[in-house]
Amino acid sequence: IARIEDEALARDDRLTLQWIYGWHSLVDTLSGDLPAARRHIVSARERLPEDRYTLPHLFVLVAASCACLHTGDGRGALQRIDREWPAIERGQLLRLQVYRVLLHSLRASALLVAAHNEPHAERELHQRVGHELSQMEHERVPWADAIALAQRGELRLQQGDRSAALACFELAEDRLRRARMDAYAAATRRRVGLLTGGDEGAALVRAADAWFVEHGAAAPDCVSAILLGG
């Protein structure tokens, strides 16, 4: 990557640098180096075209929103996503299913984190979460349904229904494993462990945290908030 970056800088290859800095910012966020993530986000944005919304714009938005969620700033992530949504629609990026699901899930996470921090706005934010999850379920594909189910578990937990939340998490974890959505499965397993408690629950949390650490995540709880919203 370093060699490619040096070559791109030498020839002022703005497109390649957009991708490199966007990728670096996401990796930095997941590894817990938020100052480096913010520097790379700025470097990527400086090279984005201003006359159209492209895939690198979307990648930078995801990275910036994840950086907000890593610090518990759900409102900041939500404002970023809402602000750029019309441009995303104009850029036709929502025509691709994988980006639709990614964005609806990311916005659901932002809404859930914001609701946790803003009890006075919880009802409105929860209504919006329900809409995002319904959009994911309308895709009618197993992996999107599984992510939506895990995030519905977070919603039920915030609404005070621990038994319903645990049921959602347990079923979602199984479906996510089957869909090979390993990071989401680990985050969901972590939630199952926290709700289960005792030695059994602690073992589940340790296993989930070990998976995250093995894959470069310095703060499993923060990464879980990015993926699930809690």
Protein backbone atom coordinates (compact mmCIF):
# COMPACT_ATOMS: atom_id res chain seq x y z
CA ILE A 1 0.00 0.00 0.00
CA ALA A 2 2.81 2.43 0.87
CA ARG A 3 4.46 1.91 -2.52
CA ILE A 4 1.17 2.41 -4.36
CA GLU A 5 0.51 5.55 -2.33
CA ASP A 6 3.97 6.97 -3.16
CA GLU A 7 3.48 6.28 -6.86
CA ALA A 8 0.01 7.83 -6.81
CA LEU A 9 1.35 10.95 -5.08
CA ALA A 10 4.15 11.25 -7.62
CA ARG A 11 1.72 11.27 -10.56
CA ASP A 12 -1.08 13.09 -8.67
CA ASP A 13 -3.44 10.14 -9.14
CA ARG A 14 -6.38 11.57 -7.22
CA LEU A 15 -8.68 8.59 -7.73
CA THR A 16 -6.20 6.09 -6.35
CA LEU A 17 -5.43 8.37 -3.42
CA GLN A 18 -9.15 8.72 -2.65
CA TRP A 19 -9.39 4.97 -2.24
CA ILE A 20 -6.13 4.60 -0.32
CA TYR A 21 -6.91 7.34 2.19
CA GLY A 22 -10.52 6.20 2.54
CA TRP A 23 -9.36 2.65 3.23
CA HIS A 24 -6.69 3.84 5.66
CA SER A 25 -9.26 5.89 7.58
CA LEU A 26 -11.54 2.89 8.07
CA VAL A 27 -8.66 0.63 9.15
CA ASP A 28 -7.41 3.33 11.53
CA THR A 29 -10.87 3.66 13.08
CA LEU A 30 -11.25 -0.07 13.66
CA SER A 31 -7.75 -0.25 15.15
CA GLY A 32 -8.56 2.64 17.50
CA ASP A 33 -6.23 5.27 15.96
CA LEU A 34 -8.82 8.02 15.53
CA PRO A 35 -6.35 10.91 14.97
CA ALA A 36 -4.86 9.01 12.02
CA ALA A 37 -8.35 8.17 10.77
CA ARG A 38 -9.35 11.83 10.78
CA ARG A 39 -6.16 12.84 8.93
CA HIS A 40 -6.84 10.26 6.24
CA ILE A 41 -10.49 11.33 5.95
CA VAL A 42 -9.36 14.91 5.34
CA SER A 43 -6.77 13.76 2.78
CA ALA A 44 -9.40 11.74 0.94
CA ARG A 45 -11.96 14.55 0.95
CA GLU A 46 -9.45 17.00 -0.48
CA ARG A 47 -9.23 14.82 -3.58
CA LEU A 48 -12.93 14.05 -4.12
CA PRO A 49 -14.61 15.58 -7.19
CA GLU A 50 -17.01 18.41 -6.39
CA ASP A 51 -19.30 18.09 -9.42
CA ARG A 52 -20.65 14.57 -8.75
CA TYR A 53 -21.12 12.01 -5.97
CA THR A 54 -19.02 8.92 -6.55
CA LEU A 55 -18.26 5.65 -4.80
CA PRO A 56 -15.18 7.14 -3.05
CA HIS A 57 -17.49 9.80 -1.55
CA LEU A 58 -19.58 6.99 -0.09
CA PHE A 59 -16.53 5.20 1.26
CA VAL A 60 -15.32 8.37 2.99
CA LEU A 61 -18.82 8.93 4.45
CA VAL A 62 -18.80 5.41 5.89
CA ALA A 63 -15.33 5.94 7.37
CA ALA A 64 -16.26 9.31 8.91
CA SER A 65 -19.52 7.92 10.32
CA CYS A 66 -17.69 4.94 11.82
CA ALA A 67 -15.20 7.31 13.45
CA CYS A 68 -18.12 9.17 15.06
CA LEU A 69 -19.73 5.95 16.27
CA HIS A 70 -16.41 4.70 17.66
CA THR A 71 -16.49 7.65 20.09
CA GLY A 72 -20.22 7.30 20.86
CA ASP A 73 -21.23 10.30 18.72
CA GLY A 74 -24.38 8.88 17.18
CA ARG A 75 -25.84 12.30 16.42
CA GLY A 76 -22.70 13.33 14.53
CA ALA A 77 -22.81 10.17 12.42
CA LEU A 78 -26.53 10.60 11.79
CA GLN A 79 -26.12 14.20 10.65
CA ARG A 80 -23.39 13.18 8.20
CA ILE A 81 -25.50 10.40 6.70
CA ASP A 82 -28.68 12.49 6.48
CA ARG A 83 -26.78 15.39 4.91
CA GLU A 84 -25.29 13.25 2.13
CA TRP A 85 -28.30 11.01 1.49
CA PRO A 86 -29.80 13.19 -1.30
CA ALA A 87 -26.43 13.24 -3.09
CA ILE A 88 -26.17 9.45 -2.70
CA GLU A 89 -29.58 9.09 -4.33
CA ARG A 90 -28.63 11.44 -7.18
CA GLY A 91 -25.44 9.44 -7.70
CA GLN A 92 -27.55 6.28 -8.22
CA LEU A 93 -25.55 4.42 -5.56
CA LEU A 94 -28.71 3.14 -3.87
CA ARG A 95 -29.44 1.09 -6.99
CA LEU A 96 -26.87 -1.44 -5.71
CA GLN A 97 -28.21 -3.70 -2.97
CA VAL A 98 -25.00 -4.01 -0.98
CA TYR A 99 -24.76 -0.22 -0.60
CA ARG A 100 -28.45 0.11 0.25
CA VAL A 101 -28.13 -2.40 3.07
CA LEU A 102 -24.84 -0.92 4.28
CA LEU A 103 -26.31 2.57 4.49
CA HIS A 104 -29.57 1.56 6.12
CA SER A 105 -27.63 -0.47 8.70
CA LEU A 106 -25.17 2.35 9.32
CA ARG A 107 -27.98 4.85 9.79
CA ALA A 108 -29.75 2.43 12.15
CA SER A 109 -26.55 2.22 14.22
CA ALA A 110 -26.28 6.00 14.32
CA LEU A 111 -29.92 6.32 15.39
CA LEU A 112 -29.52 3.72 18.15
CA VAL A 113 -26.37 5.33 19.55
CA ALA A 114 -28.05 8.74 19.40
CA ALA A 115 -31.12 7.37 21.19
CA HIS A 116 -28.92 5.95 23.94
CA ASN A 117 -27.43 9.42 24.48
CA GLU A 118 -30.64 11.42 24.05
CA PRO A 119 -33.50 9.97 26.14
CA HIS A 120 -35.68 13.00 25.34
CA ALA A 121 -35.57 12.12 21.61
CA GLU A 122 -35.69 8.35 22.06
CA ARG A 123 -39.21 7.79 20.72
CA GLU A 124 -38.61 9.66 17.46
CA LEU A 125 -35.21 8.03 16.95
CA HIS A 126 -36.62 4.56 17.62
CA GLN A 127 -39.32 5.14 15.01
CA ARG A 128 -36.63 5.94 12.49
CA VAL A 129 -34.70 2.81 13.49
CA GLY A 130 -37.77 0.73 12.74
CA HIS A 131 -37.99 2.28 9.28
CA GLU A 132 -34.34 1.52 8.50
CA LEU A 133 -34.71 -2.09 9.62
CA SER A 134 -37.85 -2.51 7.53
CA GLN A 135 -35.96 -1.23 4.49
CA MET A 136 -33.29 -3.89 5.07
CA GLU A 137 -35.89 -6.63 5.52
CA HIS A 138 -37.56 -5.62 2.26
CA GLU A 139 -34.41 -6.71 0.45
CA ARG A 140 -35.42 -10.32 1.22
CA VAL A 141 -31.90 -11.71 1.36
CA PRO A 142 -30.67 -13.76 4.34
CA TRP A 143 -27.61 -11.67 5.20
CA ALA A 144 -29.56 -8.39 5.28
CA ASP A 145 -32.34 -10.02 7.33
CA ALA A 146 -29.75 -11.27 9.81
CA ILE A 147 -28.16 -7.83 10.28
CA ALA A 148 -31.61 -6.25 10.68
CA LEU A 149 -32.55 -8.87 13.28
CA ALA A 150 -29.40 -8.16 15.30
CA GLN A 151 -30.11 -4.44 15.24
CA ARG A 152 -33.72 -5.10 16.16
CA GLY A 153 -32.28 -6.79 19.23
CA GLU A 154 -30.55 -3.51 20.11
CA LEU A 155 -33.83 -1.68 19.60
CA ARG A 156 -35.70 -4.09 21.89
CA LEU A 157 -32.96 -3.76 24.50
CA GLN A 158 -33.26 0.03 24.49
CA GLN A 159 -37.02 -0.33 24.80
CA GLY A 160 -36.50 -2.39 27.96
CA ASP A 161 -37.48 -5.83 26.66
CA ARG A 162 -34.40 -7.90 27.56
CA SER A 163 -35.97 -11.27 26.80
CA ALA A 164 -37.03 -10.20 23.30
CA ALA A 165 -33.60 -8.64 22.75
CA LEU A 166 -31.82 -11.85 23.75
CA ALA A 167 -34.06 -13.92 21.47
CA CYS A 168 -33.25 -11.60 18.56
CA PHE A 169 -29.52 -11.73 19.26
CA GLU A 170 -29.41 -15.51 19.59
CA LEU A 171 -31.27 -16.10 16.33
CA ALA A 172 -29.33 -13.37 14.51
CA GLU A 173 -25.97 -14.77 15.65
CA ASP A 174 -26.78 -18.14 14.15
CA ARG A 175 -27.97 -16.61 10.88
CA LEU A 176 -24.96 -14.30 10.64
CA ARG A 177 -22.57 -17.22 11.10
CA ARG A 178 -24.37 -19.15 8.37
CA ALA A 179 -24.13 -16.10 6.09
CA ARG A 180 -20.38 -15.80 6.82
CA MET A 181 -20.88 -12.29 8.22
CA ASP A 182 -18.19 -12.94 10.81
CA ALA A 183 -17.75 -9.45 12.25
CA TYR A 184 -21.49 -9.00 12.73
CA ALA A 185 -21.71 -12.49 14.20
CA ALA A 186 -18.97 -11.68 16.72
CA ALA A 187 -20.65 -8.42 17.71
CA THR A 188 -23.96 -10.23 18.17
CA ARG A 189 -22.30 -13.04 20.15
CA ARG A 190 -20.89 -10.35 22.42
CA ARG A 191 -24.38 -8.99 23.05
CA VAL A 192 -25.69 -12.49 23.82
CA GLY A 193 -22.90 -12.89 26.36
CA LEU A 194 -23.56 -9.58 28.05
CA LEU A 195 -27.27 -10.35 28.40
CA THR A 196 -26.72 -13.95 29.47
CA GLY A 197 -24.27 -13.04 32.22
CA GLY A 198 -22.49 -15.44 34.56
CA ASP A 199 -19.65 -17.70 33.50
CA GLU A 200 -21.40 -18.70 30.29
CA GLY A 201 -21.95 -15.11 29.26
CA ALA A 202 -18.41 -14.08 30.16
CA ALA A 203 -17.04 -16.88 27.99
CA LEU A 204 -19.07 -15.66 25.03
CA VAL A 205 -17.84 -12.09 25.49
CA ARG A 206 -14.22 -13.27 25.73
CA ALA A 207 -14.60 -15.32 22.55
CA ALA A 208 -16.12 -12.39 20.67
CA ASP A 209 -13.47 -9.97 21.92
CA ALA A 210 -10.71 -12.40 20.98
CA TRP A 211 -12.08 -12.56 17.43
CA PHE A 212 -12.06 -8.77 17.15
CA VAL A 213 -8.55 -8.41 18.56
CA GLU A 214 -7.28 -11.13 16.24
CA HIS A 215 -8.65 -9.13 13.31
CA GLY A 216 -7.11 -5.82 14.38
CA ALA A 217 -9.88 -4.16 16.41
CA ALA A 218 -8.48 -2.47 19.52
CA ALA A 219 -11.85 -1.82 21.20
CA PRO A 220 -14.43 -4.57 20.54
CA ASP A 221 -17.16 -2.67 22.36
CA CYS A 222 -16.71 0.34 20.08
CA VAL A 223 -16.67 -1.80 16.94
CA SER A 224 -19.85 -3.51 18.13
CA ALA A 225 -21.47 -0.08 18.44
CA ILE A 226 -20.51 0.66 14.84
CA LEU A 227 -21.96 -2.61 13.57
CA LEU A 228 -25.07 -2.92 15.73
CA GLY A 229 -25.63 0.42 17.41
CA GLY A 230 -25.02 -0.72 20.97
